[in-house]
């Protein structure tokens, strides 16, 4: 991978992480009415709430990651480049 591609990939990864975090925060507030999701070691919240928060967070992060990777692969294909796995 060329240095420019590495830099672009790093920036896109950071931006997608920030987007996913913002989407999760908004989704959690809609679902629970609370500003912050519980941490795994938070004693004020039960197992179900902690696991639901973790599941929602994982789903959102996975969705954003897949969308960014897919868009990147399509962009590389459109420019005539090749993008390998890994």
PDB file of N, CA and C in Angstrom:
ATOM      1  N   UNK A   1       0.852  -1.176   0.000  1.00  0.00           N
ATOM      2  CA  UNK A   1       0.000   0.000   0.000  1.00  0.00           C
ATOM      3  C   UNK A   1       0.897   1.238   0.000  1.00  0.00           C
ATOM      4  N   UNK A   2       0.596   2.165  -0.878  1.00  0.00           N
ATOM      5  CA  UNK A   2       1.373   3.395  -1.000  1.00  0.00           C
ATOM      6  C   UNK A   2       1.177   4.267   0.239  1.00  0.00           C
ATOM      7  N   UNK A   3       2.171   5.108   0.549  1.00  0.00           N
ATOM      8  CA  UNK A   3       2.046   5.978   1.722  1.00  0.00           C
ATOM      9  C   UNK A   3       0.791   6.852   1.711  1.00  0.00           C
ATOM     10  N   UNK A   4       0.415   7.341   0.535  1.00  0.00           N
ATOM     11  CA  UNK A   4      -0.789   8.179   0.452  1.00  0.00           C
ATOM     12  C   UNK A   4      -2.023   7.348   0.799  1.00  0.00           C
ATOM     13  N   UNK A   5      -2.076   6.115   0.278  1.00  0.00           N
ATOM     14  CA  UNK A   5      -3.209   5.238   0.578  1.00  0.00           C
ATOM     15  C   UNK A   5      -3.271   4.917   2.070  1.00  0.00           C
ATOM     16  N   UNK A   6      -2.111   4.715   2.686  1.00  0.00           N
ATOM     17  CA  UNK A   6      -2.077   4.442   4.125  1.00  0.00           C
ATOM     18  C   UNK A   6      -2.613   5.631   4.911  1.00  0.00           C
ATOM     19  N   UNK A   7      -2.201   6.824   4.515  1.00  0.00           N
ATOM     20  CA  UNK A   7      -2.658   8.027   5.217  1.00  0.00           C
ATOM     21  C   UNK A   7      -4.163   8.209   5.054  1.00  0.00           C
ATOM     22  N   UNK A   8      -4.659   8.019   3.833  1.00  0.00           N
ATOM     23  CA  UNK A   8      -6.096   8.152   3.586  1.00  0.00           C
ATOM     24  C   UNK A   8      -6.860   7.099   4.375  1.00  0.00           C
ATOM     25  N   UNK A   9      -6.341   5.880   4.387  1.00  0.00           N
ATOM     26  CA  UNK A   9      -6.985   4.795   5.129  1.00  0.00           C
ATOM     27  C   UNK A   9      -7.043   5.107   6.624  1.00  0.00           C
ATOM     28  N   UNK A  10      -5.963   5.647   7.162  1.00  0.00           N
ATOM     29  CA  UNK A  10      -5.923   6.003   8.580  1.00  0.00           C
ATOM     30  C   UNK A  10      -6.943   7.092   8.900  1.00  0.00           C
ATOM     31  N   UNK A  11      -6.989   8.116   8.071  1.00  0.00           N
ATOM     32  CA  UNK A  11      -7.939   9.213   8.296  1.00  0.00           C
ATOM     33  C   UNK A  11      -9.375   8.702   8.211  1.00  0.00           C
ATOM     34  N   UNK A  12      -9.665   7.870   7.199  1.00  0.00           N
ATOM     35  CA  UNK A  12     -11.015   7.321   7.062  1.00  0.00           C
ATOM     36  C   UNK A  12     -11.381   6.440   8.250  1.00  0.00           C
ATOM     37  N   UNK A  13     -10.420   5.683   8.751  1.00  0.00           N
ATOM     38  CA  UNK A  13     -10.679   4.845   9.922  1.00  0.00           C
ATOM     39  C   UNK A  13     -11.014   5.691  11.142  1.00  0.00           C
ATOM     40  N   UNK A  14     -10.256   6.750  11.343  1.00  0.00           N
ATOM     41  CA  UNK A  14     -10.521   7.637  12.479  1.00  0.00           C
ATOM     42  C   UNK A  14     -11.883   8.313  12.350  1.00  0.00           C
ATOM     43  N   UNK A  15     -12.183   8.808  11.156  1.00  0.00           N
ATOM     44  CA  UNK A  15     -13.470   9.471  10.941  1.00  0.00           C
ATOM     45  C   UNK A  15     -14.635   8.496  11.085  1.00  0.00           C
ATOM     46  N   UNK A  16     -14.463   7.274  10.600  1.00  0.00           N
ATOM     47  CA  UNK A  16     -15.548   6.299  10.723  1.00  0.00           C
ATOM     48  C   UNK A  16     -15.758   5.904  12.182  1.00  0.00           C
ATOM     49  N   UNK A  17     -14.685   5.825  12.954  1.00  0.00           N
ATOM     50  CA  UNK A  17     -14.824   5.549  14.383  1.00  0.00           C
ATOM     51  C   UNK A  17     -15.567   6.664  15.103  1.00  0.00           C
ATOM     52  N   UNK A  18     -15.251   7.898  14.732  1.00  0.00           N
ATOM     53  CA  UNK A  18     -15.942   9.039  15.341  1.00  0.00           C
ATOM     54  C   UNK A  18     -17.414   9.064  14.939  1.00  0.00           C
ATOM     55  N   UNK A  19     -17.692   8.742  13.676  1.00  0.00           N
ATOM     56  CA  UNK A  19     -19.075   8.685  13.206  1.00  0.00           C
ATOM     57  C   UNK A  19     -19.852   7.600  13.944  1.00  0.00           C
ATOM     58  N   UNK A  20     -19.245   6.424  14.066  1.00  0.00           N
ATOM     59  CA  UNK A  20     -19.913   5.321  14.754  1.00  0.00           C
ATOM     60  C   UNK A  20     -20.179   5.667  16.219  1.00  0.00           C
ATOM     61  N   UNK A  21     -19.216   6.310  16.867  1.00  0.00           N
ATOM     62  CA  UNK A  21     -19.405   6.697  18.265  1.00  0.00           C
ATOM     63  C   UNK A  21     -20.552   7.698  18.407  1.00  0.00           C
ATOM     64  N   UNK A  22     -20.617   8.655  17.489  1.00  0.00           N
ATOM     65  CA  UNK A  22     -21.697   9.647  17.540  1.00  0.00           C
ATOM     66  C   UNK A  22     -23.057   8.999  17.275  1.00  0.00           C
ATOM     67  N   UNK A  23     -23.103   8.084  16.301  1.00  0.00           N
ATOM     68  CA  UNK A  23     -24.356   7.384  16.008  1.00  0.00           C
ATOM     69  C   UNK A  23     -24.805   6.540  17.193  1.00  0.00           C
ATOM     70  N   UNK A  24     -23.847   5.865  17.839  1.00  0.00           N
ATOM     71  CA  UNK A  24     -24.192   5.048  18.999  1.00  0.00           C
ATOM     72  C   UNK A  24     -24.709   5.910  20.137  1.00  0.00           C
ATOM     73  N   UNK A  25     -24.056   7.021  20.394  1.00  0.00           N
ATOM     74  CA  UNK A  25     -24.499   7.910  21.481  1.00  0.00           C
ATOM     75  C   UNK A  25     -25.932   8.381  21.233  1.00  0.00           C
ATOM     76  N   UNK A  26     -26.217   8.742  19.987  1.00  0.00           N
ATOM     77  CA  UNK A  26     -27.564   9.206  19.637  1.00  0.00           C
ATOM     78  C   UNK A  26     -28.582   8.063  19.755  1.00  0.00           C
ATOM     79  N   UNK A  27     -28.215   6.889  19.254  1.00  0.00           N
ATOM     80  CA  UNK A  27     -29.120   5.730  19.316  1.00  0.00           C
ATOM     81  C   UNK A  27     -29.385   5.332  20.764  1.00  0.00           C
ATOM     82  N   UNK A  28     -28.347   5.344  21.600  1.00  0.00           N
ATOM     83  CA  UNK A  28     -28.526   4.965  22.995  1.00  0.00           C
ATOM     84  C   UNK A  28     -29.466   5.937  23.702  1.00  0.00           C
ATOM     85  N   UNK A  29     -29.318   7.221  23.397  1.00  0.00           N
ATOM     86  CA  UNK A  29     -30.193   8.217  24.020  1.00  0.00           C
ATOM     87  C   UNK A  29     -31.645   7.990  23.595  1.00  0.00           C
ATOM     88  N   UNK A  30     -31.871   7.639  22.329  1.00  0.00           N
ATOM     89  CA  UNK A  30     -33.227   7.354  21.857  1.00  0.00           C
ATOM     90  C   UNK A  30     -33.808   6.113  22.528  1.00  0.00           C
ATOM     91  N   UNK A  31     -32.979   5.090  22.692  1.00  0.00           N
ATOM     92  CA  UNK A  31     -33.439   3.816  23.254  1.00  0.00           C
ATOM     93  C   UNK A  31     -33.673   3.908  24.756  1.00  0.00           C
ATOM     94  N   UNK A  32     -32.731   4.543  25.461  1.00  0.00           N
ATOM     95  CA  UNK A  32     -32.776   4.506  26.924  1.00  0.00           C
ATOM     96  C   UNK A  32     -33.195   5.820  27.580  1.00  0.00           C
ATOM     97  N   UNK A  33     -33.050   6.919  26.867  1.00  0.00           N
ATOM     98  CA  UNK A  33     -33.321   8.218  27.463  1.00  0.00           C
ATOM     99  C   UNK A  33     -32.152   8.749  28.278  1.00  0.00           C
ATOM    100  N   UNK A  34     -31.071   7.993  28.359  1.00  0.00           N
ATOM    101  CA  UNK A  34     -29.880   8.412  29.106  1.00  0.00           C
ATOM    102  C   UNK A  34     -28.830   8.945  28.144  1.00  0.00           C
ATOM    103  N   UNK A  35     -28.005   9.884  28.637  1.00  0.00           N
ATOM    104  CA  UNK A  35     -26.961  10.462  27.792  1.00  0.00           C
ATOM    105  C   UNK A  35     -25.817   9.489  27.527  1.00  0.00           C
ATOM    106  N   UNK A  36     -25.456   8.705  28.522  1.00  0.00           N
ATOM    107  CA  UNK A  36     -24.314   7.800  28.387  1.00  0.00           C
ATOM    108  C   UNK A  36     -24.730   6.354  28.578  1.00  0.00           C
ATOM    109  N   UNK A  37     -24.112   5.485  27.795  1.00  0.00           N
ATOM    110  CA  UNK A  37     -24.357   4.049  27.923  1.00  0.00           C
ATOM    111  C   UNK A  37     -23.586   3.522  29.135  1.00  0.00           C
ATOM    112  N   UNK A  38     -24.065   2.448  29.739  1.00  0.00           N
ATOM    113  CA  UNK A  38     -23.365   1.897  30.894  1.00  0.00           C
ATOM    114  C   UNK A  38     -22.078   1.188  30.484  1.00  0.00           C
ATOM    115  N   UNK A  39     -21.081   1.267  31.351  1.00  0.00           N
ATOM    116  CA  UNK A  39     -19.854   0.494  31.171  1.00  0.00           C
ATOM    117  C   UNK A  39     -20.072  -0.891  31.752  1.00  0.00           C
ATOM    118  N   UNK A  40     -19.236  -1.826  31.352  1.00  0.00           N
ATOM    119  CA  UNK A  40     -19.372  -3.201  31.834  1.00  0.00           C
ATOM    120  C   UNK A  40     -19.208  -3.289  33.353  1.00  0.00           C
ATOM    121  N   UNK A  41     -18.422  -2.401  33.931  1.00  0.00           N
ATOM    122  CA  UNK A  41     -18.193  -2.460  35.380  1.00  0.00           C
ATOM    123  C   UNK A  41     -19.067  -1.482  36.169  1.00  0.00           C
ATOM    124  N   UNK A  42     -20.060  -0.908  35.520  1.00  0.00           N
ATOM    125  CA  UNK A  42     -20.968   0.038  36.163  1.00  0.00           C
ATOM    126  C   UNK A  42     -21.953  -0.711  37.065  1.00  0.00           C
ATOM    127  N   UNK A  43     -21.896  -0.459  38.347  1.00  0.00           N
ATOM    128  CA  UNK A  43     -22.745  -1.169  39.315  1.00  0.00           C
ATOM    129  C   UNK A  43     -24.185  -0.670  39.336  1.00  0.00           C
ATOM    130  N   UNK A  44     -24.436   0.482  38.744  1.00  0.00           N
ATOM    131  CA  UNK A  44     -25.787   1.051  38.747  1.00  0.00           C
ATOM    132  C   UNK A  44     -26.688   0.473  37.663  1.00  0.00           C
ATOM    133  N   UNK A  45     -26.134  -0.357  36.795  1.00  0.00           N
ATOM    134  CA  UNK A  45     -26.894  -0.936  35.687  1.00  0.00           C
ATOM    135  C   UNK A  45     -26.777  -2.454  35.724  1.00  0.00           C
ATOM    136  N   UNK A  46     -27.863  -3.119  35.350  1.00  0.00           N
ATOM    137  CA  UNK A  46     -27.885  -4.575  35.362  1.00  0.00           C
ATOM    138  C   UNK A  46     -27.262  -5.185  34.113  1.00  0.00           C
ATOM    139  N   UNK A  47     -27.171  -6.508  34.143  1.00  0.00           N
ATOM    140  CA  UNK A  47     -26.598  -7.270  33.039  1.00  0.00           C
ATOM    141  C   UNK A  47     -27.293  -6.972  31.717  1.00  0.00           C
ATOM    142  N   UNK A  48     -28.605  -6.990  31.731  1.00  0.00           N
ATOM    143  CA  UNK A  48     -29.358  -6.829  30.484  1.00  0.00           C
ATOM    144  C   UNK A  48     -29.046  -5.484  29.838  1.00  0.00           C
ATOM    145  N   UNK A  49     -29.068  -4.423  30.625  1.00  0.00           N
ATOM    146  CA  UNK A  49     -28.810  -3.094  30.069  1.00  0.00           C
ATOM    147  C   UNK A  49     -27.387  -2.979  29.521  1.00  0.00           C
ATOM    148  N   UNK A  50     -26.424  -3.520  30.242  1.00  0.00           N
ATOM    149  CA  UNK A  50     -25.034  -3.481  29.785  1.00  0.00           C
ATOM    150  C   UNK A  50     -24.869  -4.274  28.489  1.00  0.00           C
ATOM    151  N   UNK A  51     -25.483  -5.459  28.424  1.00  0.00           N
ATOM    152  CA  UNK A  51     -25.351  -6.293  27.229  1.00  0.00           C
ATOM    153  C   UNK A  51     -26.108  -5.720  26.036  1.00  0.00           C
ATOM    154  N   UNK A  52     -27.245  -5.111  26.276  1.00  0.00           N
ATOM    155  CA  UNK A  52     -27.973  -4.454  25.183  1.00  0.00           C
ATOM    156  C   UNK A  52     -27.143  -3.292  24.634  1.00  0.00           C
ATOM    157  N   UNK A  53     -26.535  -2.520  25.511  1.00  0.00           N
ATOM    158  CA  UNK A  53     -25.688  -1.407  25.074  1.00  0.00           C
ATOM    159  C   UNK A  53     -24.506  -1.916  24.249  1.00  0.00           C
ATOM    160  N   UNK A  54     -23.872  -2.986  24.705  1.00  0.00           N
ATOM    161  CA  UNK A  54     -22.734  -3.549  23.979  1.00  0.00           C
ATOM    162  C   UNK A  54     -23.154  -4.098  22.617  1.00  0.00           C
ATOM    163  N   UNK A  55     -24.313  -4.726  22.567  1.00  0.00           N
ATOM    164  CA  UNK A  55     -24.818  -5.267  21.300  1.00  0.00           C
ATOM    165  C   UNK A  55     -25.112  -4.150  20.312  1.00  0.00           C
ATOM    166  N   UNK A  56     -25.775  -3.112  20.768  1.00  0.00           N
ATOM    167  CA  UNK A  56     -26.091  -1.973  19.905  1.00  0.00           C
ATOM    168  C   UNK A  56     -24.816  -1.298  19.410  1.00  0.00           C
ATOM    169  N   UNK A  57     -23.868  -1.124  20.307  1.00  0.00           N
ATOM    170  CA  UNK A  57     -22.606  -0.489  19.930  1.00  0.00           C
ATOM    171  C   UNK A  57     -21.867  -1.331  18.891  1.00  0.00           C
ATOM    172  N   UNK A  58     -21.798  -2.629  19.097  1.00  0.00           N
ATOM    173  CA  UNK A  58     -21.125  -3.508  18.145  1.00  0.00           C
ATOM    174  C   UNK A  58     -21.789  -3.501  16.782  1.00  0.00           C
ATOM    175  N   UNK A  59     -23.112  -3.497  16.776  1.00  0.00           N
ATOM    176  CA  UNK A  59     -23.844  -3.481  15.506  1.00  0.00           C
ATOM    177  C   UNK A  59     -23.581  -2.188  14.740  1.00  0.00           C
ATOM    178  N   UNK A  60     -23.590  -1.069  15.439  1.00  0.00           N
ATOM    179  CA  UNK A  60     -23.365   0.220  14.775  1.00  0.00           C
ATOM    180  C   UNK A  60     -21.932   0.319  14.268  1.00  0.00           C
ATOM    181  N   UNK A  61     -20.963  -0.072  15.090  1.00  0.00           N
ATOM    182  CA  UNK A  61     -19.572  -0.012  14.651  1.00  0.00           C
ATOM    183  C   UNK A  61     -19.329  -0.945  13.473  1.00  0.00           C
ATOM    184  N   UNK A  62     -19.914  -2.140  13.502  1.00  0.00           N
ATOM    185  CA  UNK A  62     -19.773  -3.075  12.389  1.00  0.00           C
ATOM    186  C   UNK A  62     -20.384  -2.543  11.108  1.00  0.00           C
ATOM    187  N   UNK A  63     -21.543  -1.931  11.225  1.00  0.00           N
ATOM    188  CA  UNK A  63     -22.222  -1.354  10.063  1.00  0.00           C
ATOM    189  C   UNK A  63     -21.392  -0.236   9.442  1.00  0.00           C
ATOM    190  N   UNK A  64     -20.896   0.667  10.262  1.00  0.00           N
ATOM    191  CA  UNK A  64     -20.096   1.781   9.751  1.00  0.00           C
ATOM    192  C   UNK A  64     -18.802   1.264   9.129  1.00  0.00           C
ATOM    193  N   UNK A  65     -18.161   0.299   9.778  1.00  0.00           N
ATOM    194  CA  UNK A  65     -16.921  -0.271   9.246  1.00  0.00           C
ATOM    195  C   UNK A  65     -17.159  -0.906   7.882  1.00  0.00           C
ATOM    196  N   UNK A  66     -18.212  -1.694   7.755  1.00  0.00           N
ATOM    197  CA  UNK A  66     -18.519  -2.345   6.477  1.00  0.00           C
ATOM    198  C   UNK A  66     -18.823  -1.313   5.396  1.00  0.00           C
ATOM    199  N   UNK A  67     -19.567  -0.276   5.743  1.00  0.00           N
ATOM    200  CA  UNK A  67     -19.911   0.756   4.761  1.00  0.00           C
ATOM    201  C   UNK A  67     -18.666   1.497   4.279  1.00  0.00           C
ATOM    202  N   UNK A  68     -17.766   1.824   5.193  1.00  0.00           N
ATOM    203  CA  UNK A  68     -16.549   2.543   4.823  1.00  0.00           C
ATOM    204  C   UNK A  68     -15.642   1.657   3.971  1.00  0.00           C
ATOM    205  N   UNK A  69     -15.495   0.396   4.356  1.00  0.00           N
ATOM    206  CA  UNK A  69     -14.655  -0.517   3.577  1.00  0.00           C
ATOM    207  C   UNK A  69     -15.230  -0.734   2.177  1.00  0.00           C
ATOM    208  N   UNK A  70     -16.532  -0.899   2.111  1.00  0.00           N
ATOM    209  CA  UNK A  70     -17.195  -1.099   0.816  1.00  0.00           C
ATOM    210  C   UNK A  70     -17.023   0.131  -0.073  1.00  0.00           C
ATOM    211  N   UNK A  71     -17.229   1.311   0.482  1.00  0.00           N
ATOM    212  CA  UNK A  71     -17.061   2.547  -0.291  1.00  0.00           C
ATOM    213  C   UNK A  71     -15.614   2.704  -0.754  1.00  0.00           C
ATOM    214  N   UNK A  72     -14.674   2.351   0.103  1.00  0.00           N
ATOM    215  CA  UNK A  72     -13.261   2.428  -0.270  1.00  0.00           C
ATOM    216  C   UNK A  72     -12.918   1.472  -1.395  1.00  0.00           C
ATOM    217  N   UNK A  73     -13.440   0.256  -1.328  1.00  0.00           N
ATOM    218  CA  UNK A  73     -13.183  -0.727  -2.377  1.00  0.00           C
ATOM    219  C   UNK A  73     -13.767  -0.265  -3.706  1.00  0.00           C
ATOM    220  N   UNK A  74     -14.954   0.304  -3.672  1.00  0.00           N
ATOM    221  CA  UNK A  74     -15.569   0.802  -4.903  1.00  0.00           C
ATOM    222  C   UNK A  74     -14.789   1.985  -5.471  1.00  0.00           C
ATOM    223  N   UNK A  75     -14.298   2.847  -4.617  1.00  0.00           N
ATOM    224  CA  UNK A  75     -13.517   3.997  -5.078  1.00  0.00           C
ATOM    225  C   UNK A  75     -12.223   3.534  -5.737  1.00  0.00           C
ATOM    226  N   UNK A  76     -11.572   2.551  -5.148  1.00  0.00           N
ATOM    227  CA  UNK A  76     -10.333   2.023  -5.725  1.00  0.00           C
ATOM    228  C   UNK A  76     -10.623   1.386  -7.078  1.00  0.00           C
ATOM    229  N   UNK A  77     -11.707   0.619  -7.168  1.00  0.00           N
ATOM    230  CA  UNK A  77     -12.082  -0.013  -8.431  1.00  0.00           C
ATOM    231  C   UNK A  77     -12.372   1.026  -9.509  1.00  0.00           C
ATOM    232  N   UNK A  78     -13.077   2.089  -9.142  1.00  0.00           N
ATOM    233  CA  UNK A  78     -13.425   3.134 -10.109  1.00  0.00           C
ATOM    234  C   UNK A  78     -12.191   3.854 -10.642  1.00  0.00           C
ATOM    235  N   UNK A  79     -11.169   3.970  -9.816  1.00  0.00           N
ATOM    236  CA  UNK A  79      -9.952   4.654 -10.248  1.00  0.00           C
ATOM    237  C   UNK A  79      -8.997   3.710 -10.967  1.00  0.00           C
ATOM    238  N   UNK A  80      -9.400   2.462 -11.116  1.00  0.00           N
ATOM    239  CA  UNK A  80      -8.583   1.504 -11.854  1.00  0.00           C
ATOM    240  C   UNK A  80      -7.518   0.832 -11.019  1.00  0.00           C
ATOM    241  N   UNK A  81      -7.518   1.081  -9.734  1.00  0.00           N
ATOM    242  CA  UNK A  81      -6.538   0.461  -8.854  1.00  0.00           C
ATOM    243  C   UNK A  81      -6.975  -0.911  -8.404  1.00  0.00           C
ATOM    244  N   UNK A  82      -6.087  -1.570  -7.702  1.00  0.00           N
ATOM    245  CA  UNK A  82      -6.403  -2.880  -7.143  1.00  0.00           C
ATOM    246  C   UNK A  82      -6.272  -2.779  -5.638  1.00  0.00           C
ATOM    247  N   UNK A  83      -7.175  -3.420  -4.979  1.00  0.00           N
ATOM    248  CA  UNK A  83      -7.144  -3.409  -3.524  1.00  0.00           C
ATOM    249  C   UNK A  83      -7.221  -4.847  -3.058  1.00  0.00           C
ATOM    250  N   UNK A  84      -6.173  -5.285  -2.409  1.00  0.00           N
ATOM    251  CA  UNK A  84      -6.143  -6.655  -1.920  1.00  0.00           C
ATOM    252  C   UNK A  84      -6.692  -6.751  -0.523  1.00  0.00           C
ATOM    253  N   UNK A  85      -6.905  -7.977  -0.080  1.00  0.00           N
ATOM    254  CA  UNK A  85      -7.369  -8.185   1.293  1.00  0.00           C
ATOM    255  C   UNK A  85      -6.193  -8.016   2.234  1.00  0.00           C
ATOM    256  N   UNK A  86      -6.550  -7.532   3.466  1.00  0.00           N
ATOM    257  CA  UNK A  86      -5.534  -7.468   4.496  1.00  0.00           C
ATOM    258  C   UNK A  86      -5.045  -6.140   4.814  1.00  0.00           C
TER     259      UNK A  86
END
